[in-house]
Amino acid sequence: MKQIRIAVVDDSPFIRKALSWMLADEPDLTLVGTAARGEELLENLQHWRADLIILDLAMPGIGGLATLREILLRKPTPVIILSDNLRQTAPAAVEALHRGALDFIDKRDFSLVDFDALRKALVGRIRQLVGARHPAVEERQEAAPPTVVRTR
């Protein structure tokens, strides 16, 4: 069974801990790191080698959209946006999807008492998205210059 490496970026210590707990019960999912700010994730991006990143939009520092841009420039990786209230931050969520995020989950759609529903939704999306090719990776491969083979 291939392990899926996941990084979580959220300014809430409670959410980081809850996601860590939710993912710990899944034998094929490995939490490789958590960050409170986008800058912290970007510093560890190469080291953590995540297969998928769960990213909050509203964070101090460079924020979610700028972090997403940098992820896709530095190491294109599937990203799920996990936001406090997508009904209020809908423009930012749409912008994140336009910029390359593959999915989003509104934390407020799930009870903080019943983590099982959020865990099932999140784990299902993780497994689905990691199997898909990331558009940014495909664009870079298409844009790469052809290899020139010289013969004498």
C-alpha atoms as a PDB file:
ATOM      1  CA  MET A   1       0.000   0.000   0.000  1.00  0.00           C
ATOM      2  CA  LYS A   2       1.502   3.327  -1.102  1.00  0.00           C
ATOM      3  CA  GLN A   3       1.651   5.921   1.645  1.00  0.00           C
ATOM      4  CA  ILE A   4       0.111   9.317   0.876  1.00  0.00           C
ATOM      5  CA  ARG A   5       2.201  12.071   2.457  1.00  0.00           C
ATOM      6  CA  ILE A   6       0.152  15.021   3.722  1.00  0.00           C
ATOM      7  CA  ALA A   7       1.097  18.476   5.012  1.00  0.00           C
ATOM      8  CA  VAL A   8      -1.383  20.673   6.892  1.00  0.00           C
ATOM      9  CA  VAL A   9      -1.221  24.486   6.985  1.00  0.00           C
ATOM     10  CA  ASP A  10      -3.672  26.205   9.333  1.00  0.00           C
ATOM     11  CA  ASP A  11      -3.156  29.001  11.842  1.00  0.00           C
ATOM     12  CA  SER A  12      -5.451  27.274  14.364  1.00  0.00           C
ATOM     13  CA  PRO A  13      -3.563  24.907  16.704  1.00  0.00           C
ATOM     14  CA  PHE A  14      -6.884  23.167  17.388  1.00  0.00           C
ATOM     15  CA  ILE A  15      -7.500  22.442  13.687  1.00  0.00           C
ATOM     16  CA  ARG A  16      -3.907  21.249  13.154  1.00  0.00           C
ATOM     17  CA  LYS A  17      -4.255  18.874  16.114  1.00  0.00           C
ATOM     18  CA  ALA A  18      -7.716  17.689  15.013  1.00  0.00           C
ATOM     19  CA  LEU A  19      -6.507  16.963  11.480  1.00  0.00           C
ATOM     20  CA  SER A  20      -3.476  15.134  12.868  1.00  0.00           C
ATOM     21  CA  TRP A  21      -5.782  12.983  14.964  1.00  0.00           C
ATOM     22  CA  MET A  22      -8.149  12.313  12.033  1.00  0.00           C
ATOM     23  CA  LEU A  23      -5.375  11.264   9.674  1.00  0.00           C
ATOM     24  CA  ALA A  24      -3.602   9.087  12.264  1.00  0.00           C
ATOM     25  CA  ASP A  25      -6.287   6.394  11.990  1.00  0.00           C
ATOM     26  CA  GLU A  26      -5.738   5.935   8.251  1.00  0.00           C
ATOM     27  CA  PRO A  27      -3.040   3.338   7.519  1.00  0.00           C
ATOM     28  CA  ASP A  28      -2.236   4.732   4.055  1.00  0.00           C
ATOM     29  CA  LEU A  29      -2.019   8.406   5.114  1.00  0.00           C
ATOM     30  CA  THR A  30       1.058   9.911   6.753  1.00  0.00           C
ATOM     31  CA  LEU A  31       1.141  13.411   8.186  1.00  0.00           C
ATOM     32  CA  VAL A  32       4.607  14.686   7.253  1.00  0.00           C
ATOM     33  CA  GLY A  33       4.289  18.136   8.799  1.00  0.00           C
ATOM     34  CA  THR A  34       2.056  20.889  10.104  1.00  0.00           C
ATOM     35  CA  ALA A  35       2.534  24.625   9.783  1.00  0.00           C
ATOM     36  CA  ALA A  36       0.786  27.637  11.300  1.00  0.00           C
ATOM     37  CA  ARG A  37       1.778  29.977   8.455  1.00  0.00           C
ATOM     38  CA  GLY A  38       2.434  29.736   4.748  1.00  0.00           C
ATOM     39  CA  GLU A  39       6.059  30.741   5.227  1.00  0.00           C
ATOM     40  CA  GLU A  40       6.608  27.751   7.510  1.00  0.00           C
ATOM     41  CA  LEU A  41       5.221  25.363   4.898  1.00  0.00           C
ATOM     42  CA  LEU A  42       7.334  26.902   2.133  1.00  0.00           C
ATOM     43  CA  GLU A  43      10.495  26.525   4.246  1.00  0.00           C
ATOM     44  CA  ASN A  44       9.742  22.805   4.609  1.00  0.00           C
ATOM     45  CA  LEU A  45       8.184  22.098   1.197  1.00  0.00           C
ATOM     46  CA  GLN A  46      11.145  20.176  -0.246  1.00  0.00           C
ATOM     47  CA  HIS A  47      11.935  18.393   3.020  1.00  0.00           C
ATOM     48  CA  TRP A  48       8.372  17.203   3.708  1.00  0.00           C
ATOM     49  CA  ARG A  49       7.773  16.028   0.095  1.00  0.00           C
ATOM     50  CA  ALA A  50       4.001  16.023   0.584  1.00  0.00           C
ATOM     51  CA  ASP A  51       1.761  14.304  -1.958  1.00  0.00           C
ATOM     52  CA  LEU A  52      -1.075  16.626  -0.928  1.00  0.00           C
ATOM     53  CA  ILE A  53      -1.376  19.840   1.082  1.00  0.00           C
ATOM     54  CA  ILE A  54      -4.377  20.898   3.162  1.00  0.00           C
ATOM     55  CA  LEU A  55      -4.307  24.701   3.217  1.00  0.00           C
ATOM     56  CA  ASP A  56      -6.288  27.326   5.112  1.00  0.00           C
ATOM     57  CA  LEU A  57      -6.990  30.531   3.164  1.00  0.00           C
ATOM     58  CA  ALA A  58      -7.132  33.006   6.066  1.00  0.00           C
ATOM     59  CA  MET A  59      -3.740  32.959   7.748  1.00  0.00           C
ATOM     60  CA  PRO A  60      -1.334  35.575   9.062  1.00  0.00           C
ATOM     61  CA  GLY A  61       1.781  36.302   7.050  1.00  0.00           C
ATOM     62  CA  ILE A  62       1.651  35.795   3.309  1.00  0.00           C
ATOM     63  CA  GLY A  63      -1.814  34.193   3.484  1.00  0.00           C
ATOM     64  CA  GLY A  64      -3.382  31.253   1.723  1.00  0.00           C
ATOM     65  CA  LEU A  65      -3.538  32.538  -1.863  1.00  0.00           C
ATOM     66  CA  ALA A  66       0.110  33.622  -1.918  1.00  0.00           C
ATOM     67  CA  THR A  67       1.112  30.320  -0.299  1.00  0.00           C
ATOM     68  CA  LEU A  68      -0.830  28.424  -2.962  1.00  0.00           C
ATOM     69  CA  ARG A  69       0.931  30.379  -5.711  1.00  0.00           C
ATOM     70  CA  GLU A  70       4.333  29.568  -4.233  1.00  0.00           C
ATOM     71  CA  ILE A  71       3.487  25.869  -3.798  1.00  0.00           C
ATOM     72  CA  LEU A  72       2.565  25.597  -7.463  1.00  0.00           C
ATOM     73  CA  LEU A  73       5.695  27.481  -8.557  1.00  0.00           C
ATOM     74  CA  ARG A  74       8.155  25.629  -6.331  1.00  0.00           C
ATOM     75  CA  LYS A  75       6.761  22.096  -6.167  1.00  0.00           C
ATOM     76  CA  PRO A  76       3.384  21.572  -7.850  1.00  0.00           C
ATOM     77  CA  THR A  77       1.340  19.561  -5.375  1.00  0.00           C
ATOM     78  CA  PRO A  78      -2.402  18.896  -5.113  1.00  0.00           C
ATOM     79  CA  VAL A  79      -3.996  21.314  -2.626  1.00  0.00           C
ATOM     80  CA  ILE A  80      -7.285  21.078  -0.752  1.00  0.00           C
ATOM     81  CA  ILE A  81      -8.475  24.380   0.688  1.00  0.00           C
ATOM     82  CA  LEU A  82      -9.895  23.994   4.195  1.00  0.00           C
ATOM     83  CA  SER A  83     -11.500  27.246   5.243  1.00  0.00           C
ATOM     84  CA  ASP A  84     -13.428  28.552   8.233  1.00  0.00           C
ATOM     85  CA  ASN A  85     -16.383  29.911   6.335  1.00  0.00           C
ATOM     86  CA  LEU A  86     -16.400  29.611   2.573  1.00  0.00           C
ATOM     87  CA  ARG A  87     -19.762  31.339   2.430  1.00  0.00           C
ATOM     88  CA  GLN A  88     -18.001  34.532   3.542  1.00  0.00           C
ATOM     89  CA  THR A  89     -14.726  33.883   1.741  1.00  0.00           C
ATOM     90  CA  ALA A  90     -16.275  32.594  -1.481  1.00  0.00           C
ATOM     91  CA  PRO A  91     -14.342  35.025  -3.732  1.00  0.00           C
ATOM     92  CA  ALA A  92     -11.032  33.858  -2.232  1.00  0.00           C
ATOM     93  CA  ALA A  93     -12.087  30.207  -2.560  1.00  0.00           C
ATOM     94  CA  VAL A  94     -13.014  30.680  -6.214  1.00  0.00           C
ATOM     95  CA  GLU A  95      -9.694  32.467  -6.779  1.00  0.00           C
ATOM     96  CA  ALA A  96      -7.844  29.565  -5.114  1.00  0.00           C
ATOM     97  CA  LEU A  97      -9.563  27.071  -7.416  1.00  0.00           C
ATOM     98  CA  HIS A  98      -8.775  29.294 -10.403  1.00  0.00           C
ATOM     99  CA  ARG A  99      -5.107  29.440  -9.335  1.00  0.00           C
ATOM    100  CA  GLY A 100      -4.778  25.686  -9.030  1.00  0.00           C
ATOM    101  CA  ALA A 101      -6.306  24.325  -5.818  1.00  0.00           C
ATOM    102  CA  LEU A 102      -8.148  21.120  -6.645  1.00  0.00           C
ATOM    103  CA  ASP A 103     -10.908  21.158  -4.035  1.00  0.00           C
ATOM    104  CA  PHE A 104     -12.214  22.926  -0.955  1.00  0.00           C
ATOM    105  CA  ILE A 105     -13.957  22.015   2.274  1.00  0.00           C
ATOM    106  CA  ASP A 106     -15.796  24.442   4.541  1.00  0.00           C
ATOM    107  CA  LYS A 107     -14.960  23.513   8.160  1.00  0.00           C
ATOM    108  CA  ARG A 108     -18.279  24.992   9.276  1.00  0.00           C
ATOM    109  CA  ASP A 109     -20.183  22.357   7.298  1.00  0.00           C
ATOM    110  CA  PHE A 110     -19.024  19.835   9.898  1.00  0.00           C
ATOM    111  CA  SER A 111     -19.699  19.690  13.617  1.00  0.00           C
ATOM    112  CA  LEU A 112     -16.660  20.204  15.815  1.00  0.00           C
ATOM    113  CA  VAL A 113     -18.127  17.529  18.072  1.00  0.00           C
ATOM    114  CA  ASP A 114     -18.460  14.923  15.308  1.00  0.00           C
ATOM    115  CA  PHE A 115     -15.077  14.747  13.603  1.00  0.00           C
ATOM    116  CA  ASP A 116     -16.009  11.504  11.866  1.00  0.00           C
ATOM    117  CA  ALA A 117     -18.016  13.230   9.109  1.00  0.00           C
ATOM    118  CA  LEU A 118     -15.177  15.668   8.368  1.00  0.00           C
ATOM    119  CA  ARG A 119     -12.635  12.832   8.491  1.00  0.00           C
ATOM    120  CA  LYS A 120     -14.630  10.764   5.979  1.00  0.00           C
ATOM    121  CA  ALA A 121     -15.055  13.714   3.599  1.00  0.00           C
ATOM    122  CA  LEU A 122     -11.416  14.749   3.846  1.00  0.00           C
ATOM    123  CA  VAL A 123      -9.932  11.258   3.547  1.00  0.00           C
ATOM    124  CA  GLY A 124     -12.146  10.472   0.555  1.00  0.00           C
ATOM    125  CA  ARG A 125     -11.061  13.632  -1.245  1.00  0.00           C
ATOM    126  CA  ILE A 126      -7.393  13.050  -0.410  1.00  0.00           C
ATOM    127  CA  ARG A 127      -7.424   9.567  -1.908  1.00  0.00           C
ATOM    128  CA  GLN A 128      -9.310  10.773  -4.972  1.00  0.00           C
ATOM    129  CA  LEU A 129      -7.084  13.786  -5.645  1.00  0.00           C
ATOM    130  CA  VAL A 130      -3.710  12.156  -5.088  1.00  0.00           C
ATOM    131  CA  GLY A 131      -4.488   9.661  -7.832  1.00  0.00           C
ATOM    132  CA  ALA A 132      -5.188  12.464 -10.323  1.00  0.00           C
ATOM    133  CA  ARG A 133      -2.452  14.316 -12.206  1.00  0.00           C
ATOM    134  CA  HIS A 134      -1.944  17.890 -11.100  1.00  0.00           C
ATOM    135  CA  PRO A 135      -2.608  20.499 -13.857  1.00  0.00           C
ATOM    136  CA  ALA A 136       0.470  22.563 -12.960  1.00  0.00           C
ATOM    137  CA  VAL A 137       2.714  19.521 -13.443  1.00  0.00           C
ATOM    138  CA  GLU A 138       1.144  18.792 -16.827  1.00  0.00           C
ATOM    139  CA  GLU A 139       1.567  22.433 -17.931  1.00  0.00           C
ATOM    140  CA  ARG A 140       5.258  22.382 -17.028  1.00  0.00           C
ATOM    141  CA  GLN A 141       5.791  19.136 -18.925  1.00  0.00           C
ATOM    142  CA  GLU A 142       4.010  20.522 -21.992  1.00  0.00           C
ATOM    143  CA  ALA A 143       6.018  23.759 -21.823  1.00  0.00           C
ATOM    144  CA  ALA A 144       9.381  22.004 -21.469  1.00  0.00           C
ATOM    145  CA  PRO A 145      11.576  22.325 -24.534  1.00  0.00           C
ATOM    146  CA  PRO A 146      12.026  19.160 -26.567  1.00  0.00           C
ATOM    147  CA  THR A 147      15.127  17.145 -25.888  1.00  0.00           C
ATOM    148  CA  VAL A 148      17.662  17.500 -28.661  1.00  0.00           C
ATOM    149  CA  VAL A 149      19.662  14.438 -29.522  1.00  0.00           C
ATOM    150  CA  ARG A 150      22.780  15.144 -31.570  1.00  0.00           C
ATOM    151  CA  THR A 151      24.393  12.515 -33.668  1.00  0.00           C
ATOM    152  CA  ARG A 152      27.770  12.721 -35.372  1.00  0.00           C
END
